[in-house]
């Protein structure tokens, strides 16, 4: 599983977690608000990002 946390700054209200994990032959990704369990999006389409 891959988990990343995004915070622009302490003054901004944007917060998110990104998780990627495998289920069988499929790779799933989920972006969620850790403070609101109803705010999330999930996809079975992932793309490798070059850094």
Protein backbone atom coordinates (compact mmCIF):
# COMPACT_ATOMS: atom_id res chain seq x y z
CA UNK A 1 0.00 0.00 0.00
CA UNK A 2 1.19 3.51 -0.80
CA UNK A 3 -0.02 6.39 1.36
CA UNK A 4 0.68 10.08 0.87
CA UNK A 5 -0.62 13.10 2.75
CA UNK A 6 -1.06 16.54 1.19
CA UNK A 7 -1.20 19.81 3.14
CA UNK A 8 -0.62 23.07 1.27
CA UNK A 9 -0.01 25.07 4.46
CA UNK A 10 -1.45 25.42 7.92
CA UNK A 11 -3.67 28.31 6.71
CA UNK A 12 -5.27 26.31 3.87
CA UNK A 13 -8.33 24.15 4.39
CA UNK A 14 -7.25 21.53 1.80
CA UNK A 15 -6.29 18.16 3.23
CA UNK A 16 -6.14 14.74 1.59
CA UNK A 17 -4.71 11.26 1.80
CA UNK A 18 -3.78 9.18 -1.23
CA UNK A 19 -3.63 5.39 -0.99
CA UNK A 20 -2.82 2.81 -3.63
CA UNK A 21 -3.18 -0.93 -3.10
CA UNK A 22 -3.56 -4.16 -5.03
CA UNK A 23 -6.66 -6.34 -5.05
CA UNK A 24 -6.06 -9.48 -7.09
CA UNK A 25 -4.81 -8.39 -10.51
CA UNK A 26 -6.17 -4.85 -10.08
CA UNK A 27 -4.45 -1.78 -8.61
CA UNK A 28 -6.84 0.59 -6.78
CA UNK A 29 -6.27 4.20 -5.79
CA UNK A 30 -8.26 6.27 -3.29
CA UNK A 31 -8.16 9.97 -2.42
CA UNK A 32 -9.92 10.84 0.83
CA UNK A 33 -10.37 13.56 3.44
CA UNK A 34 -9.12 12.04 6.71
CA UNK A 35 -11.46 14.27 8.73
CA UNK A 36 -14.63 13.44 6.75
CA UNK A 37 -15.29 9.73 6.17
CA UNK A 38 -17.89 10.55 3.48
CA UNK A 39 -15.43 12.53 1.30
CA UNK A 40 -13.53 10.11 -0.91
CA UNK A 41 -13.07 8.98 -4.51
CA UNK A 42 -11.81 5.59 -5.66
CA UNK A 43 -10.52 4.44 -9.06
CA UNK A 44 -9.17 1.27 -10.62
CA UNK A 45 -7.17 3.38 -13.12
CA UNK A 46 -3.71 4.34 -11.85
CA UNK A 47 -0.75 5.89 -13.68
CA UNK A 48 2.92 5.85 -12.66
CA UNK A 49 4.17 9.41 -12.03
CA UNK A 50 7.72 10.35 -12.88
CA UNK A 51 9.48 12.41 -10.21
